[in-house]
Amino acid sequence: MDESVSLAQLTRRLEEVVGVLGGVPVEVERVEDNERVRRQILHLAGSCRELRALQPVGSTDQGREEQRSRLDVLGALRRGMRMRTVVHSSVLDDELKAARIRELHAAGDLHRVTDEQVQQLLVFDHAVAFLRITPVAYSPGALVIRQQSLITALIDLFELTWARAREVTEPTHRLTPREREVLALMAEGRSNGAVARALSITEAAVGKHVASLFAKLELPATQDDNRRVLAVLAYLRGAAR
């Protein structure tokens, strides 16, 4: 599948198909009612064996709803469902959401993190996919897709995103996009001055980013270790996955 085709572009194409066919497309249904979408997802979660998911933002559920959602996932894992989820890195800025992701990851819902913009997508087995109608967080409705050629394309897109994403357990996920840029240039062997020139920022700003990423990667200053080398090794471990 062409890597330049984004989920948003694919969604627009699907919506065009739905419109042209007067709302009765071949195995693509537009469902506006969020509660109906939720019921369909819960039904499939009770019978399917594998779930692939892209999540641009964390859940809006709170209190009992959040607890019920978490228990639903844990129950599906106990029944043997295989789950893989790619979340946008911004989700991890919320400590509560980050803690929930780590819990689910440890339980078997494997998570990876991406800086790419992703749209909400769920693919159950090779049978049914739910794609958010519009690329806006929490927007209502979904396209329910059963067309096998489209599902195959969505799975290909998921696998591409999964392969490029970082392990959620890697400490580098705590870095800001700018800090990751600095670290990537450090991994090329560049000095702070060279990094500053490449990013068109001051060398003092680079120093602050370097100090921050050392702290986030939990690399204290010692006489025995080169923190710059250790930071680069952490980056390479994350980038290799």
Protein backbone atom coordinates (compact mmCIF):
# COMPACT_ATOMS: atom_id res chain seq x y z
CA MET A 1 0.00 0.00 0.00
CA ASP A 2 1.25 3.50 -0.83
CA GLU A 3 2.67 4.99 2.38
CA SER A 4 1.54 8.46 1.27
CA VAL A 5 -2.12 7.49 1.62
CA SER A 6 -3.29 8.59 5.05
CA LEU A 7 -6.31 7.42 7.01
CA ALA A 8 -7.91 10.84 6.56
CA GLN A 9 -7.56 10.56 2.79
CA LEU A 10 -8.93 7.04 2.85
CA THR A 11 -11.89 8.16 4.97
CA ARG A 12 -12.74 10.93 2.51
CA ARG A 13 -12.68 8.43 -0.35
CA LEU A 14 -14.93 6.06 1.53
CA GLU A 15 -17.37 8.86 2.32
CA GLU A 16 -17.48 9.75 -1.36
CA VAL A 17 -18.35 6.14 -2.16
CA VAL A 18 -21.07 6.12 0.49
CA GLY A 19 -22.53 9.36 -0.90
CA VAL A 20 -22.50 8.23 -4.52
CA LEU A 21 -24.23 4.98 -3.68
CA GLY A 22 -26.98 6.78 -1.79
CA GLY A 23 -26.05 5.33 1.59
CA VAL A 24 -26.30 1.71 0.42
CA PRO A 25 -22.70 0.91 -0.53
CA VAL A 26 -21.33 -2.56 -0.96
CA GLU A 27 -20.45 -3.62 2.60
CA VAL A 28 -19.73 -0.09 3.86
CA GLU A 29 -22.28 1.35 6.27
CA ARG A 30 -22.35 4.86 7.71
CA VAL A 31 -23.55 4.76 11.32
CA GLU A 32 -24.20 8.14 12.97
CA ASP A 33 -25.36 6.85 16.37
CA ASN A 34 -22.41 6.44 18.74
CA GLU A 35 -24.36 4.14 21.05
CA ARG A 36 -25.13 1.81 18.16
CA VAL A 37 -21.46 1.81 17.21
CA ARG A 38 -20.53 1.01 20.81
CA ARG A 39 -22.97 -1.94 20.92
CA GLN A 40 -21.58 -3.38 17.69
CA ILE A 41 -18.01 -3.09 18.99
CA LEU A 42 -18.89 -4.81 22.28
CA HIS A 43 -20.63 -7.63 20.38
CA LEU A 44 -17.59 -8.22 18.18
CA ALA A 45 -15.22 -8.03 21.17
CA GLY A 46 -17.01 -11.05 22.60
CA SER A 47 -16.37 -13.29 19.61
CA CYS A 48 -13.41 -12.10 17.52
CA ARG A 49 -9.89 -13.35 18.06
CA GLU A 50 -7.79 -10.34 17.09
CA LEU A 51 -8.09 -6.56 17.36
CA ARG A 52 -5.91 -3.94 15.72
CA ALA A 53 -6.48 -0.36 16.87
CA LEU A 54 -5.25 3.14 16.15
CA GLN A 55 -6.10 5.68 18.84
CA PRO A 56 -5.34 9.38 18.26
CA VAL A 57 -6.38 10.37 21.78
CA GLY A 58 -7.12 8.72 25.09
CA SER A 59 -10.55 7.66 26.20
CA THR A 60 -12.97 10.31 27.43
CA ASP A 61 -14.50 7.79 29.82
CA GLN A 62 -14.38 8.73 33.49
CA GLY A 63 -15.21 7.04 36.78
CA ARG A 64 -17.43 4.00 36.34
CA GLU A 65 -17.38 4.25 32.54
CA GLU A 66 -13.58 4.17 32.51
CA GLN A 67 -13.58 1.22 34.92
CA ARG A 68 -16.10 -0.66 32.78
CA SER A 69 -14.08 0.02 29.62
CA ARG A 70 -10.88 -1.20 31.27
CA LEU A 71 -12.60 -4.35 32.57
CA ASP A 72 -14.06 -5.02 29.10
CA VAL A 73 -10.56 -4.98 27.62
CA LEU A 74 -9.10 -7.14 30.39
CA GLY A 75 -12.00 -9.60 30.03
CA ALA A 76 -11.43 -9.87 26.27
CA LEU A 77 -7.73 -10.53 26.88
CA ARG A 78 -8.58 -13.30 29.36
CA ARG A 79 -10.83 -14.88 26.72
CA GLY A 80 -7.82 -15.06 24.45
CA MET A 81 -8.26 -12.05 22.17
CA ARG A 82 -4.99 -10.74 20.74
CA MET A 83 -4.78 -6.94 20.81
CA ARG A 84 -2.36 -4.43 19.39
CA THR A 85 -2.89 -0.69 19.76
CA VAL A 86 -0.98 2.31 18.39
CA VAL A 87 -1.56 5.53 20.33
CA HIS A 88 -0.49 9.08 19.56
CA SER A 89 2.37 10.27 21.77
CA SER A 90 0.26 13.13 23.16
CA VAL A 91 -1.84 10.58 25.06
CA LEU A 92 1.13 9.85 27.30
CA ASP A 93 1.25 13.46 28.50
CA ASP A 94 -1.71 12.55 30.74
CA GLU A 95 -0.38 10.52 33.67
CA LEU A 96 -3.69 8.71 34.27
CA LYS A 97 -4.01 7.69 30.62
CA ALA A 98 -0.35 6.69 30.51
CA ALA A 99 -0.82 4.51 33.61
CA ARG A 100 -3.83 2.81 32.04
CA ILE A 101 -1.92 2.15 28.83
CA ARG A 102 0.95 0.61 30.79
CA GLU A 103 -1.50 -1.60 32.70
CA LEU A 104 -3.20 -2.83 29.53
CA HIS A 105 0.15 -3.33 27.82
CA ALA A 106 1.34 -5.51 30.69
CA ALA A 107 -1.93 -7.48 30.54
CA GLY A 108 -1.44 -8.28 26.84
CA ASP A 109 -2.97 -5.38 24.89
CA LEU A 110 0.35 -4.52 23.28
CA HIS A 111 0.84 -0.80 22.73
CA ARG A 112 3.18 1.27 20.59
CA VAL A 113 3.53 5.03 20.33
CA THR A 114 3.68 7.24 17.24
CA ASP A 115 4.17 10.94 16.58
CA GLU A 116 2.26 10.62 13.30
CA GLN A 117 -1.30 11.88 13.12
CA VAL A 118 -3.59 8.86 13.23
CA GLN A 119 -7.34 8.50 13.02
CA GLN A 120 -9.44 6.24 15.20
CA LEU A 121 -9.59 2.79 13.66
CA LEU A 122 -10.60 -0.65 14.97
CA VAL A 123 -10.18 -3.80 12.89
CA PHE A 124 -11.66 -7.05 14.23
CA ASP A 125 -10.00 -10.11 12.70
CA HIS A 126 -10.16 -9.72 8.91
CA ALA A 127 -13.91 -9.27 9.12
CA VAL A 128 -15.08 -5.82 10.28
CA ALA A 129 -13.46 -2.40 10.60
CA PHE A 130 -14.73 0.74 12.35
CA LEU A 131 -13.30 3.99 11.00
CA ARG A 132 -14.12 7.39 12.52
CA ILE A 133 -16.19 9.34 9.98
CA THR A 134 -14.32 12.60 10.39
CA PRO A 135 -10.69 13.00 11.55
CA VAL A 136 -11.68 14.93 14.68
CA ALA A 137 -11.35 13.56 18.20
CA TYR A 138 -14.64 12.29 19.66
CA SER A 139 -16.61 13.17 16.50
CA PRO A 140 -19.84 11.14 16.22
CA GLY A 141 -20.39 8.10 14.08
CA ALA A 142 -18.27 5.63 12.18
CA LEU A 143 -17.97 3.86 8.87
CA VAL A 144 -18.57 0.14 9.47
CA ILE A 145 -16.63 -1.68 6.78
CA ARG A 146 -17.02 -5.32 5.76
CA GLN A 147 -15.63 -4.99 2.24
CA GLN A 148 -12.64 -7.36 2.25
CA SER A 149 -10.47 -5.31 -0.12
CA LEU A 150 -10.90 -2.22 2.08
CA ILE A 151 -10.22 -4.17 5.27
CA THR A 152 -7.02 -5.55 3.74
CA ALA A 153 -5.93 -2.00 2.88
CA LEU A 154 -6.68 -0.80 6.42
CA ILE A 155 -4.75 -3.72 7.92
CA ASP A 156 -1.79 -2.88 5.67
CA LEU A 157 -1.93 0.72 6.87
CA PHE A 158 -2.08 -0.41 10.50
CA GLU A 159 0.90 -2.75 10.08
CA LEU A 160 2.89 0.05 8.44
CA THR A 161 2.12 2.37 11.35
CA TRP A 162 2.88 -0.37 13.88
CA ALA A 163 6.27 -1.07 12.31
CA ARG A 164 7.25 2.61 12.49
CA ALA A 165 5.95 3.15 16.04
CA ARG A 166 8.02 2.96 19.23
CA GLU A 167 7.58 0.53 22.09
CA VAL A 168 5.49 2.10 24.84
CA THR A 169 7.97 0.79 27.42
CA GLU A 170 10.87 2.72 25.87
CA PRO A 171 11.80 5.75 27.99
CA THR A 172 12.16 7.87 24.83
CA HIS A 173 8.36 8.13 24.59
CA ARG A 174 8.52 10.81 27.31
CA LEU A 175 10.53 13.14 25.11
CA THR A 176 8.98 16.08 23.28
CA PRO A 177 9.17 16.12 19.46
CA ARG A 178 11.97 18.73 19.65
CA GLU A 179 13.92 16.64 22.17
CA ARG A 180 13.62 13.63 19.87
CA GLU A 181 14.95 15.77 16.99
CA VAL A 182 17.91 16.76 19.13
CA LEU A 183 18.53 13.15 20.16
CA ALA A 184 18.30 11.93 16.56
CA LEU A 185 20.98 14.44 15.55
CA MET A 186 23.09 13.44 18.54
CA ALA A 187 22.82 9.84 17.28
CA GLU A 188 24.46 11.06 14.05
CA GLY A 189 27.45 12.13 16.13
CA ARG A 190 26.76 15.88 15.99
CA SER A 191 27.93 18.30 18.65
CA ASN A 192 25.58 20.74 20.35
CA GLY A 193 26.77 23.45 17.98
CA ALA A 194 26.06 21.28 14.93
CA VAL A 195 22.63 20.36 16.32
CA ALA A 196 21.87 24.06 16.84
CA ARG A 197 22.78 24.88 13.24
CA ALA A 198 20.71 21.99 11.87
CA LEU A 199 17.61 23.06 13.82
CA SER A 200 18.19 26.83 13.47
CA ILE A 201 18.13 27.35 17.24
CA THR A 202 20.72 28.61 19.70
CA GLU A 203 23.35 26.37 21.23
CA ALA A 204 22.01 27.36 24.65
CA ALA A 205 18.57 26.04 23.64
CA VAL A 206 20.16 22.77 22.55
CA GLY A 207 21.87 22.53 25.94
CA LYS A 208 18.52 22.89 27.69
CA HIS A 209 16.95 20.19 25.49
CA VAL A 210 19.89 17.87 26.15
CA ALA A 211 19.62 18.42 29.92
CA SER A 212 15.88 17.77 29.78
CA LEU A 213 16.21 14.55 27.81
CA PHE A 214 18.94 13.33 30.17
CA ALA A 215 16.50 13.86 33.06
CA LYS A 216 13.59 12.15 31.28
CA LEU A 217 15.79 9.20 30.34
CA GLU A 218 16.92 9.02 33.96
CA LEU A 219 20.61 9.43 33.13
CA PRO A 220 22.28 11.13 36.13
CA ALA A 221 25.74 12.62 35.77
CA THR A 222 28.43 10.16 36.93
CA GLN A 223 32.17 9.78 36.46
CA ASP A 224 31.74 6.27 35.07
CA ASP A 225 29.15 6.78 32.30
CA ASN A 226 28.91 8.98 29.22
CA ARG A 227 25.32 10.24 29.31
CA ARG A 228 25.44 11.30 25.67
CA VAL A 229 26.30 7.77 24.57
CA LEU A 230 23.68 6.23 26.88
CA ALA A 231 21.01 8.60 25.52
CA VAL A 232 21.90 7.67 21.94
CA LEU A 233 21.70 3.96 22.84
CA ALA A 234 18.22 4.51 24.30
CA TYR A 235 17.20 6.29 21.09
CA LEU A 236 18.56 3.51 18.89
CA ARG A 237 16.72 0.86 20.90
CA GLY A 238 13.47 2.75 20.39
CA ALA A 239 14.07 3.55 16.72
CA ALA A 240 15.02 -0.03 15.89
CA ARG A 241 11.55 -1.31 16.77
